[in-house]
Amino acid sequence: MAGLSHAGHAQPRYSLDYTTSSGDSADLLISATTTGLPAGQALITGITGTWSDGVHVLPVTGFATGSGDFASPDGLYSLDNLLYLPAPTTNPFRPSVLDTRGFLVYTAAGEFDLSAGRPFSRQFQESLTLTGSSFERPDVVTVFHFGSPPAPAPEPLTLGLGVAGLGMAARRRLFMNRSSKA
């Protein structure tokens, strides 16, 4: 699935969902571009979805934009908004999807940073900072899924038109067969 950038170029989209040891979870849809980057890297250009503390589900309201190494607006996090694709499975010296800088997402409750726990780690961490606080609560990600988003289900009208079209084609074929026998 691809979204369009401001320039009209198709941008790949990725689905990312995770759960932490304390019960936080997120279900995110990430847009990214590979333009101007080394092979295997993608820069995050958009994030939508939800975050939950296990009780409340909140929509994502934005993310810290930037490229290269940069600090979050409050200075608590070092970010780079890079994804490493395809997700490596055998090279222990290459980051697995995210590096230690990761990305920062905003909700009404605060912000959360998702990154690799250590350099070249296969374990991820979420760091949560509630609105109006400078206290950072790190947490270990226990379940992590990353990949292509599911294909959208066909609209009922589209499905109905497709069935009707097949019916008309079958009727036409039947009519044509009868006409050629006469």
N, C-alpha and C. Protein backbone atom coordinates (compact mmCIF):
# COMPACT_ATOMS: atom_id res chain seq x y z
N MET A 1 0.86 -1.17 0.00
CA MET A 1 0.00 0.00 0.00
C MET A 1 0.90 1.22 0.00
N ALA A 2 0.54 2.24 -0.71
CA ALA A 2 1.35 3.45 -0.79
C ALA A 2 0.47 4.66 -0.65
N GLY A 3 0.99 5.67 0.03
CA GLY A 3 0.33 6.96 0.11
C GLY A 3 1.04 7.88 -0.86
N LEU A 4 0.52 9.07 -1.05
CA LEU A 4 1.17 10.03 -1.94
C LEU A 4 1.86 11.11 -1.13
N SER A 5 3.06 11.46 -1.53
CA SER A 5 3.77 12.56 -0.91
C SER A 5 3.21 13.86 -1.48
N HIS A 6 3.68 14.98 -0.95
CA HIS A 6 3.24 16.28 -1.46
C HIS A 6 3.60 16.45 -2.93
N ALA A 7 4.65 15.78 -3.38
CA ALA A 7 5.07 15.89 -4.77
C ALA A 7 4.29 14.92 -5.67
N GLY A 8 3.43 14.08 -5.08
CA GLY A 8 2.63 13.16 -5.85
C GLY A 8 3.29 11.81 -6.08
N HIS A 9 4.44 11.56 -5.46
CA HIS A 9 5.13 10.28 -5.61
C HIS A 9 4.57 9.28 -4.62
N ALA A 10 4.45 8.03 -5.04
CA ALA A 10 3.96 6.98 -4.16
C ALA A 10 4.95 6.77 -3.02
N GLN A 11 4.44 6.69 -1.81
CA GLN A 11 5.27 6.42 -0.64
C GLN A 11 4.81 5.11 -0.03
N PRO A 12 5.76 4.23 0.27
CA PRO A 12 5.36 2.98 0.91
C PRO A 12 4.80 3.23 2.30
N ARG A 13 3.91 2.34 2.71
CA ARG A 13 3.33 2.40 4.06
C ARG A 13 3.63 1.09 4.76
N TYR A 14 3.79 1.20 6.07
CA TYR A 14 4.11 0.04 6.88
C TYR A 14 3.20 0.04 8.10
N SER A 15 2.86 -1.15 8.52
CA SER A 15 2.06 -1.33 9.72
C SER A 15 3.01 -1.71 10.86
N LEU A 16 2.87 -1.05 11.99
CA LEU A 16 3.69 -1.35 13.15
C LEU A 16 2.78 -1.40 14.36
N ASP A 17 2.78 -2.51 15.07
CA ASP A 17 2.04 -2.56 16.33
C ASP A 17 2.90 -3.26 17.36
N TYR A 18 2.71 -2.86 18.61
CA TYR A 18 3.51 -3.45 19.69
C TYR A 18 2.75 -3.37 21.00
N THR A 19 3.25 -4.14 21.97
CA THR A 19 2.75 -4.13 23.35
C THR A 19 3.96 -4.13 24.27
N THR A 20 3.87 -3.40 25.39
CA THR A 20 4.98 -3.35 26.34
C THR A 20 4.68 -4.23 27.56
N SER A 21 5.69 -4.42 28.38
CA SER A 21 5.54 -5.26 29.58
C SER A 21 4.53 -4.67 30.57
N SER A 22 4.29 -3.35 30.54
CA SER A 22 3.32 -2.74 31.46
C SER A 22 1.93 -2.61 30.85
N GLY A 23 1.75 -3.08 29.59
CA GLY A 23 0.42 -3.07 28.99
C GLY A 23 0.15 -1.94 28.02
N ASP A 24 1.11 -1.03 27.81
CA ASP A 24 0.93 -0.02 26.77
C ASP A 24 0.93 -0.73 25.42
N SER A 25 0.25 -0.15 24.45
CA SER A 25 0.27 -0.72 23.10
C SER A 25 0.05 0.39 22.08
N ALA A 26 0.45 0.11 20.86
CA ALA A 26 0.24 1.06 19.77
C ALA A 26 -0.06 0.27 18.51
N ASP A 27 -0.88 0.87 17.67
CA ASP A 27 -1.22 0.32 16.36
C ASP A 27 -1.02 1.47 15.39
N LEU A 28 0.08 1.45 14.64
CA LEU A 28 0.49 2.60 13.83
C LEU A 28 0.56 2.26 12.35
N LEU A 29 0.27 3.26 11.53
CA LEU A 29 0.47 3.18 10.09
C LEU A 29 1.49 4.25 9.74
N ILE A 30 2.62 3.82 9.19
CA ILE A 30 3.75 4.71 8.94
C ILE A 30 3.97 4.88 7.44
N SER A 31 4.08 6.13 6.99
CA SER A 31 4.47 6.44 5.60
C SER A 31 5.95 6.78 5.63
N ALA A 32 6.66 6.40 4.57
CA ALA A 32 8.10 6.66 4.53
C ALA A 32 8.55 6.85 3.10
N THR A 33 9.71 7.48 2.95
CA THR A 33 10.31 7.65 1.63
C THR A 33 11.74 7.13 1.66
N THR A 34 12.19 6.63 0.53
CA THR A 34 13.57 6.17 0.41
C THR A 34 14.39 7.12 -0.46
N THR A 35 13.76 8.17 -0.97
CA THR A 35 14.42 9.13 -1.86
C THR A 35 15.63 9.77 -1.19
N GLY A 36 16.79 9.67 -1.83
CA GLY A 36 18.00 10.31 -1.35
C GLY A 36 18.68 9.61 -0.19
N LEU A 37 18.23 8.41 0.16
CA LEU A 37 18.82 7.68 1.28
C LEU A 37 19.59 6.46 0.80
N PRO A 38 20.54 5.98 1.61
CA PRO A 38 21.25 4.76 1.25
C PRO A 38 20.28 3.58 1.14
N ALA A 39 20.64 2.60 0.35
CA ALA A 39 19.80 1.40 0.21
C ALA A 39 19.53 0.80 1.58
N GLY A 40 18.29 0.39 1.80
CA GLY A 40 17.91 -0.23 3.07
C GLY A 40 17.42 0.74 4.13
N GLN A 41 17.39 2.05 3.83
CA GLN A 41 16.89 3.02 4.79
C GLN A 41 15.67 3.73 4.22
N ALA A 42 14.75 4.09 5.11
CA ALA A 42 13.56 4.87 4.74
C ALA A 42 13.33 5.92 5.83
N LEU A 43 12.97 7.13 5.43
CA LEU A 43 12.70 8.22 6.36
C LEU A 43 11.19 8.32 6.58
N ILE A 44 10.78 8.30 7.83
CA ILE A 44 9.37 8.40 8.17
C ILE A 44 8.85 9.79 7.79
N THR A 45 7.74 9.82 7.04
CA THR A 45 7.14 11.08 6.61
C THR A 45 5.74 11.29 7.19
N GLY A 46 5.18 10.28 7.81
CA GLY A 46 3.86 10.41 8.40
C GLY A 46 3.55 9.23 9.30
N ILE A 47 2.79 9.50 10.37
CA ILE A 47 2.37 8.43 11.29
C ILE A 47 0.93 8.71 11.71
N THR A 48 0.07 7.70 11.59
CA THR A 48 -1.29 7.77 12.10
C THR A 48 -1.52 6.51 12.93
N GLY A 49 -2.60 6.49 13.67
CA GLY A 49 -2.93 5.30 14.44
C GLY A 49 -3.38 5.63 15.84
N THR A 50 -3.20 4.67 16.75
CA THR A 50 -3.63 4.84 18.13
C THR A 50 -2.56 4.34 19.09
N TRP A 51 -2.62 4.84 20.31
CA TRP A 51 -1.78 4.39 21.42
C TRP A 51 -2.70 4.15 22.61
N SER A 52 -2.40 3.15 23.41
CA SER A 52 -3.22 2.83 24.57
C SER A 52 -2.35 2.55 25.79
N ASP A 53 -2.85 2.97 26.96
CA ASP A 53 -2.18 2.64 28.21
C ASP A 53 -2.78 1.38 28.84
N GLY A 54 -3.60 0.67 28.09
CA GLY A 54 -4.27 -0.52 28.59
C GLY A 54 -5.69 -0.23 29.04
N VAL A 55 -6.01 1.05 29.22
CA VAL A 55 -7.36 1.47 29.63
C VAL A 55 -7.95 2.41 28.59
N HIS A 56 -7.21 3.45 28.25
CA HIS A 56 -7.67 4.46 27.30
C HIS A 56 -6.97 4.27 25.96
N VAL A 57 -7.71 4.40 24.87
CA VAL A 57 -7.15 4.35 23.52
C VAL A 57 -7.19 5.78 22.98
N LEU A 58 -6.03 6.29 22.62
CA LEU A 58 -5.91 7.68 22.15
C LEU A 58 -5.40 7.72 20.72
N PRO A 59 -5.94 8.63 19.90
CA PRO A 59 -5.42 8.76 18.54
C PRO A 59 -4.06 9.46 18.54
N VAL A 60 -3.24 9.10 17.58
CA VAL A 60 -1.97 9.79 17.36
C VAL A 60 -2.30 11.16 16.80
N THR A 61 -1.71 12.21 17.38
CA THR A 61 -1.99 13.57 16.92
C THR A 61 -0.85 14.16 16.10
N GLY A 62 0.28 13.46 16.01
CA GLY A 62 1.41 13.95 15.23
C GLY A 62 2.67 13.21 15.60
N PHE A 63 3.77 13.63 14.99
CA PHE A 63 5.07 13.05 15.33
C PHE A 63 6.14 14.12 15.15
N ALA A 64 7.29 13.91 15.81
CA ALA A 64 8.40 14.86 15.70
C ALA A 64 9.03 14.70 14.33
N THR A 65 8.95 15.74 13.51
CA THR A 65 9.49 15.66 12.16
C THR A 65 10.94 16.11 12.14
N GLY A 66 11.69 15.55 11.24
CA GLY A 66 13.08 15.92 11.08
C GLY A 66 13.82 14.80 10.39
N SER A 67 15.03 15.07 10.02
CA SER A 67 15.87 14.05 9.42
C SER A 67 17.29 14.22 9.95
N GLY A 68 18.09 13.19 9.79
CA GLY A 68 19.41 13.21 10.41
C GLY A 68 19.20 13.05 11.91
N ASP A 69 20.24 13.24 12.68
CA ASP A 69 20.09 13.17 14.13
C ASP A 69 19.56 14.51 14.63
N PHE A 70 18.46 14.48 15.37
CA PHE A 70 17.90 15.71 15.92
C PHE A 70 17.27 15.43 17.28
N ALA A 71 17.11 16.47 18.08
CA ALA A 71 16.52 16.33 19.41
C ALA A 71 15.02 16.60 19.33
N SER A 72 14.26 15.93 20.19
CA SER A 72 12.83 16.20 20.26
C SER A 72 12.63 17.64 20.74
N PRO A 73 11.46 18.23 20.48
CA PRO A 73 11.24 19.62 20.88
C PRO A 73 11.49 19.88 22.37
N ASP A 74 11.19 18.91 23.24
CA ASP A 74 11.43 19.11 24.67
C ASP A 74 12.84 18.72 25.09
N GLY A 75 13.66 18.23 24.14
CA GLY A 75 15.04 17.89 24.42
C GLY A 75 15.25 16.56 25.13
N LEU A 76 14.19 15.79 25.37
CA LEU A 76 14.33 14.53 26.10
C LEU A 76 14.83 13.38 25.24
N TYR A 77 14.63 13.44 23.94
CA TYR A 77 14.95 12.30 23.09
C TYR A 77 15.84 12.70 21.93
N SER A 78 16.73 11.79 21.53
CA SER A 78 17.52 11.93 20.32
C SER A 78 16.85 11.05 19.28
N LEU A 79 16.51 11.63 18.12
CA LEU A 79 15.71 10.96 17.11
C LEU A 79 16.41 10.97 15.76
N ASP A 80 15.93 10.11 14.83
CA ASP A 80 16.38 10.21 13.44
C ASP A 80 15.28 9.83 12.44
N ASN A 81 14.15 9.28 12.92
CA ASN A 81 13.00 8.92 12.07
C ASN A 81 13.36 7.96 10.94
N LEU A 82 14.36 7.10 11.14
CA LEU A 82 14.76 6.15 10.11
C LEU A 82 14.20 4.76 10.38
N LEU A 83 13.80 4.10 9.30
CA LEU A 83 13.47 2.69 9.32
C LEU A 83 14.56 1.98 8.52
N TYR A 84 14.87 0.76 8.92
CA TYR A 84 15.86 -0.05 8.20
C TYR A 84 15.13 -1.20 7.54
N LEU A 85 15.12 -1.19 6.19
CA LEU A 85 14.32 -2.14 5.43
C LEU A 85 15.16 -2.85 4.39
N PRO A 86 14.88 -4.07 4.03
CA PRO A 86 13.94 -4.91 4.75
C PRO A 86 14.49 -5.24 6.14
N ALA A 87 13.61 -5.60 7.03
CA ALA A 87 14.03 -5.92 8.38
C ALA A 87 15.04 -7.06 8.33
N PRO A 88 16.30 -6.84 8.73
CA PRO A 88 17.31 -7.88 8.62
C PRO A 88 17.08 -9.00 9.64
N THR A 89 17.48 -10.18 9.29
CA THR A 89 17.31 -11.30 10.20
C THR A 89 18.64 -11.97 10.54
N THR A 90 19.67 -11.77 9.73
CA THR A 90 20.90 -12.50 9.96
C THR A 90 22.10 -11.63 10.30
N ASN A 91 22.09 -10.36 9.98
CA ASN A 91 23.24 -9.52 10.22
C ASN A 91 23.14 -8.86 11.60
N PRO A 92 23.94 -9.31 12.56
CA PRO A 92 23.84 -8.73 13.92
C PRO A 92 24.37 -7.31 14.02
N PHE A 93 25.04 -6.82 12.99
CA PHE A 93 25.61 -5.47 13.05
C PHE A 93 24.76 -4.44 12.32
N ARG A 94 23.58 -4.81 11.92
CA ARG A 94 22.67 -3.87 11.27
C ARG A 94 21.44 -3.70 12.15
N PRO A 95 20.95 -2.48 12.33
CA PRO A 95 19.75 -2.29 13.15
C PRO A 95 18.57 -3.09 12.60
N SER A 96 17.72 -3.51 13.49
CA SER A 96 16.53 -4.26 13.12
C SER A 96 15.33 -3.33 13.07
N VAL A 97 14.93 -2.87 11.92
CA VAL A 97 13.82 -1.95 11.67
C VAL A 97 14.09 -0.57 12.27
N LEU A 98 14.42 -0.49 13.55
CA LEU A 98 14.70 0.80 14.22
C LEU A 98 16.10 0.77 14.82
N ASP A 99 16.70 1.96 14.94
CA ASP A 99 17.96 2.06 15.66
C ASP A 99 17.69 2.66 17.04
N THR A 100 18.75 3.03 17.76
CA THR A 100 18.57 3.53 19.13
C THR A 100 17.96 4.93 19.19
N ARG A 101 17.86 5.63 18.05
CA ARG A 101 17.25 6.96 18.06
C ARG A 101 15.75 6.88 17.76
N GLY A 102 15.33 6.07 16.83
CA GLY A 102 13.90 5.83 16.59
C GLY A 102 13.10 7.05 16.21
N PHE A 103 11.85 7.08 16.68
CA PHE A 103 10.93 8.17 16.35
C PHE A 103 10.04 8.50 17.55
N LEU A 104 9.43 9.69 17.51
CA LEU A 104 8.61 10.20 18.61
C LEU A 104 7.21 10.52 18.09
N VAL A 105 6.20 10.03 18.82
CA VAL A 105 4.80 10.21 18.44
C VAL A 105 4.07 10.95 19.55
N TYR A 106 3.11 11.81 19.15
CA TYR A 106 2.33 12.58 20.11
C TYR A 106 0.90 12.07 20.21
N THR A 107 0.36 12.09 21.44
CA THR A 107 -1.07 11.84 21.69
C THR A 107 -1.53 12.92 22.67
N ALA A 108 -2.82 12.94 23.00
CA ALA A 108 -3.34 13.92 23.96
C ALA A 108 -2.73 13.70 25.35
N ALA A 109 -2.30 12.48 25.67
CA ALA A 109 -1.75 12.18 26.99
C ALA A 109 -0.27 12.52 27.11
N GLY A 110 0.41 12.67 25.99
CA GLY A 110 1.84 12.94 26.04
C GLY A 110 2.52 12.44 24.78
N GLU A 111 3.77 12.05 24.92
CA GLU A 111 4.55 11.61 23.78
C GLU A 111 5.20 10.27 24.11
N PHE A 112 5.42 9.47 23.08
CA PHE A 112 6.17 8.24 23.28
C PHE A 112 7.20 8.06 22.19
N ASP A 113 8.35 7.60 22.60
CA ASP A 113 9.48 7.36 21.71
C ASP A 113 9.61 5.85 21.55
N LEU A 114 9.75 5.39 20.32
CA LEU A 114 9.97 3.98 20.07
C LEU A 114 11.33 3.83 19.41
N SER A 115 12.17 2.96 19.96
CA SER A 115 13.53 2.79 19.44
C SER A 115 14.05 1.42 19.84
N ALA A 116 15.23 1.08 19.28
CA ALA A 116 15.92 -0.14 19.70
C ALA A 116 16.49 0.11 21.10
N GLY A 117 16.47 -0.91 21.92
CA GLY A 117 16.94 -0.77 23.30
C GLY A 117 18.42 -0.48 23.42
N ARG A 118 19.22 -1.12 22.58
CA ARG A 118 20.67 -0.93 22.57
C ARG A 118 21.12 -0.93 21.10
N PRO A 119 22.33 -0.45 20.83
CA PRO A 119 22.80 -0.51 19.45
C PRO A 119 22.76 -1.94 18.91
N PHE A 120 22.28 -2.09 17.69
CA PHE A 120 22.19 -3.38 16.99
C PHE A 120 21.34 -4.39 17.74
N SER A 121 20.40 -3.91 18.53
CA SER A 121 19.55 -4.77 19.34
C SER A 121 18.35 -5.25 18.55
N ARG A 122 17.86 -6.42 18.89
CA ARG A 122 16.61 -6.93 18.35
C ARG A 122 15.47 -6.67 19.34
N GLN A 123 15.78 -6.00 20.45
CA GLN A 123 14.77 -5.67 21.44
C GLN A 123 14.47 -4.18 21.37
N PHE A 124 13.18 -3.84 21.44
CA PHE A 124 12.75 -2.46 21.32
C PHE A 124 12.28 -1.93 22.66
N GLN A 125 12.24 -0.61 22.77
CA GLN A 125 11.74 0.00 24.00
C GLN A 125 10.85 1.18 23.67
N GLU A 126 9.90 1.42 24.55
CA GLU A 126 9.03 2.60 24.48
C GLU A 126 9.39 3.47 25.66
N SER A 127 9.54 4.76 25.44
CA SER A 127 9.75 5.71 26.53
C SER A 127 8.59 6.68 26.48
N LEU A 128 7.86 6.78 27.57
CA LEU A 128 6.65 7.59 27.65
C LEU A 128 6.90 8.81 28.53
N THR A 129 6.48 9.97 28.07
CA THR A 129 6.52 11.20 28.86
C THR A 129 5.12 11.80 28.82
N LEU A 130 4.46 11.92 29.97
CA LEU A 130 3.11 12.46 30.02
C LEU A 130 3.13 13.97 29.84
N THR A 131 2.06 14.52 29.29
CA THR A 131 1.95 15.96 29.07
C THR A 131 2.16 16.71 30.39
N GLY A 132 2.99 17.74 30.35
CA GLY A 132 3.25 18.55 31.53
C GLY A 132 4.28 17.95 32.47
N SER A 133 4.94 16.87 32.07
CA SER A 133 5.91 16.19 32.91
C SER A 133 7.22 16.08 32.17
N SER A 134 8.31 16.02 32.91
CA SER A 134 9.61 15.75 32.28
C SER A 134 10.09 14.37 32.72
N PHE A 135 9.22 13.61 33.38
CA PHE A 135 9.55 12.25 33.81
C PHE A 135 9.40 11.30 32.64
N GLU A 136 10.46 10.57 32.37
CA GLU A 136 10.45 9.61 31.27
C GLU A 136 10.32 8.21 31.85
N ARG A 137 9.33 7.45 31.37
CA ARG A 137 9.12 6.08 31.84
C ARG A 137 9.49 5.10 30.74
N PRO A 138 10.70 4.51 30.81
CA PRO A 138 11.07 3.53 29.80
C PRO A 138 10.37 2.19 30.06
N ASP A 139 10.10 1.45 29.01
CA ASP A 139 9.42 0.17 29.13
C ASP A 139 9.89 -0.73 28.00
N VAL A 140 9.94 -2.02 28.25
CA VAL A 140 10.39 -2.99 27.26
C VAL A 140 9.22 -3.43 26.39
N VAL A 141 9.44 -3.44 25.09
CA VAL A 141 8.43 -3.93 24.15
C VAL A 141 8.51 -5.46 24.14
N THR A 142 7.39 -6.10 24.45
CA THR A 142 7.36 -7.56 24.52
C THR A 142 6.80 -8.21 23.26
N VAL A 143 5.93 -7.51 22.53
CA VAL A 143 5.37 -8.01 21.28
C VAL A 143 5.57 -6.91 20.23
N PHE A 144 6.14 -7.26 19.08
CA PHE A 144 6.45 -6.27 18.05
C PHE A 144 6.16 -6.88 16.69
N HIS A 145 5.30 -6.21 15.90
CA HIS A 145 4.99 -6.64 14.54
C HIS A 145 5.23 -5.47 13.59
N PHE A 146 5.92 -5.75 12.50
CA PHE A 146 6.20 -4.73 11.50
C PHE A 146 6.05 -5.36 10.13
N GLY A 147 5.36 -4.68 9.23
CA GLY A 147 5.21 -5.20 7.87
C GLY A 147 4.31 -4.33 7.04
N SER A 148 3.86 -4.88 5.95
CA SER A 148 2.93 -4.17 5.07
C SER A 148 1.55 -4.18 5.70
N PRO A 149 0.80 -3.07 5.58
CA PRO A 149 -0.55 -3.06 6.13
C PRO A 149 -1.45 -4.00 5.35
N PRO A 150 -2.51 -4.50 5.99
CA PRO A 150 -3.43 -5.37 5.26
C PRO A 150 -4.11 -4.58 4.13
N ALA A 151 -4.42 -5.28 3.05
CA ALA A 151 -5.12 -4.65 1.93
C ALA A 151 -6.51 -4.26 2.37
N PRO A 152 -7.01 -3.11 1.94
CA PRO A 152 -8.36 -2.70 2.34
C PRO A 152 -9.39 -3.66 1.77
N ALA A 153 -10.44 -3.91 2.55
CA ALA A 153 -11.53 -4.77 2.10
C ALA A 153 -12.31 -4.06 1.00
N PRO A 154 -12.82 -4.81 0.02
CA PRO A 154 -13.59 -4.14 -1.04
C PRO A 154 -14.87 -3.54 -0.47
N GLU A 155 -15.25 -2.40 -1.00
CA GLU A 155 -16.49 -1.75 -0.59
C GLU A 155 -17.67 -2.61 -1.03
N PRO A 156 -18.75 -2.67 -0.25
CA PRO A 156 -19.91 -3.48 -0.63
C PRO A 156 -20.45 -3.11 -2.02
N LEU A 157 -20.47 -1.82 -2.36
CA LEU A 157 -20.97 -1.40 -3.67
C LEU A 157 -20.08 -1.94 -4.78
N THR A 158 -18.76 -1.86 -4.59
CA THR A 158 -17.82 -2.38 -5.58
C THR A 158 -18.00 -3.87 -5.76
N LEU A 159 -18.15 -4.58 -4.65
CA LEU A 159 -18.36 -6.02 -4.69
C LEU A 159 -19.66 -6.34 -5.43
N GLY A 160 -20.72 -5.59 -5.16
CA GLY A 160 -22.01 -5.80 -5.82
C GLY A 160 -21.93 -5.53 -7.30
N LEU A 161 -21.22 -4.48 -7.69
CA LEU A 161 -21.06 -4.18 -9.12
C LEU A 161 -20.27 -5.27 -9.82
N GLY A 162 -19.30 -5.82 -9.14
CA GLY A 162 -18.51 -6.91 -9.72
C GLY A 162 -19.37 -8.14 -9.96
N VAL A 163 -20.21 -8.50 -8.99
CA VAL A 163 -21.10 -9.65 -9.14
C VAL A 163 -22.10 -9.39 -10.26
N ALA A 164 -22.65 -8.17 -10.30
CA ALA A 164 -23.61 -7.84 -11.35
C ALA A 164 -22.94 -7.91 -12.73
N GLY A 165 -21.72 -7.45 -12.84
CA GLY A 165 -20.99 -7.50 -14.09
C GLY A 165 -20.76 -8.93 -14.55
N LEU A 166 -20.43 -9.82 -13.62
CA LEU A 166 -20.25 -11.23 -13.97
C LEU A 166 -21.56 -11.83 -14.47
N GLY A 167 -22.65 -11.46 -13.82
CA GLY A 167 -23.97 -11.95 -14.24
C GLY A 167 -24.30 -11.49 -15.65
N MET A 168 -24.01 -10.22 -15.94
CA MET A 168 -24.30 -9.68 -17.28
C MET A 168 -23.42 -10.36 -18.33
N ALA A 169 -22.17 -10.63 -17.99
CA ALA A 169 -21.28 -11.30 -18.94
C ALA A 169 -21.77 -12.72 -19.22
N ALA A 170 -22.21 -13.41 -18.18
CA ALA A 170 -22.72 -14.78 -18.37
C ALA A 170 -23.98 -14.75 -19.22
N ARG A 171 -24.87 -13.78 -19.00
CA ARG A 171 -26.11 -13.67 -19.77
C ARG A 171 -25.79 -13.37 -21.24
N ARG A 172 -24.82 -12.47 -21.45
CA ARG A 172 -24.43 -12.12 -22.82
C ARG A 172 -23.87 -13.35 -23.54
N ARG A 173 -23.04 -14.11 -22.84
CA ARG A 173 -22.45 -15.31 -23.44
C ARG A 173 -23.56 -16.30 -23.80
N LEU A 174 -24.51 -16.46 -22.90
CA LEU A 174 -25.63 -17.36 -23.15
C LEU A 174 -26.42 -16.88 -24.37
N PHE A 175 -26.70 -15.57 -24.45
CA PHE A 175 -27.43 -14.99 -25.57
C PHE A 175 -26.65 -15.18 -26.87
N MET A 176 -25.34 -14.96 -26.84
CA MET A 176 -24.50 -15.10 -28.02
C MET A 176 -24.50 -16.55 -28.51
N ASN A 177 -24.43 -17.49 -27.55
CA ASN A 177 -24.45 -18.90 -27.93
C ASN A 177 -25.78 -19.28 -28.59
N ARG A 178 -26.88 -18.78 -28.09
CA ARG A 178 -28.19 -19.07 -28.66
C ARG A 178 -28.33 -18.44 -30.04
N SER A 179 -27.77 -17.22 -30.22
CA SER A 179 -27.88 -16.51 -31.49
C SER A 179 -27.06 -17.22 -32.57
N SER A 180 -25.91 -17.78 -32.19
CA SER A 180 -25.05 -18.42 -33.19
C SER A 180 -25.63 -19.75 -33.64
N LYS A 181 -26.50 -20.38 -32.84
CA LYS A 181 -27.12 -21.65 -33.19
C LYS A 181 -28.30 -21.43 -34.12
N ALA A 182 -28.85 -20.27 -34.15
CA ALA A 182 -30.04 -20.01 -34.97
C ALA A 182 -29.74 -19.77 -36.41
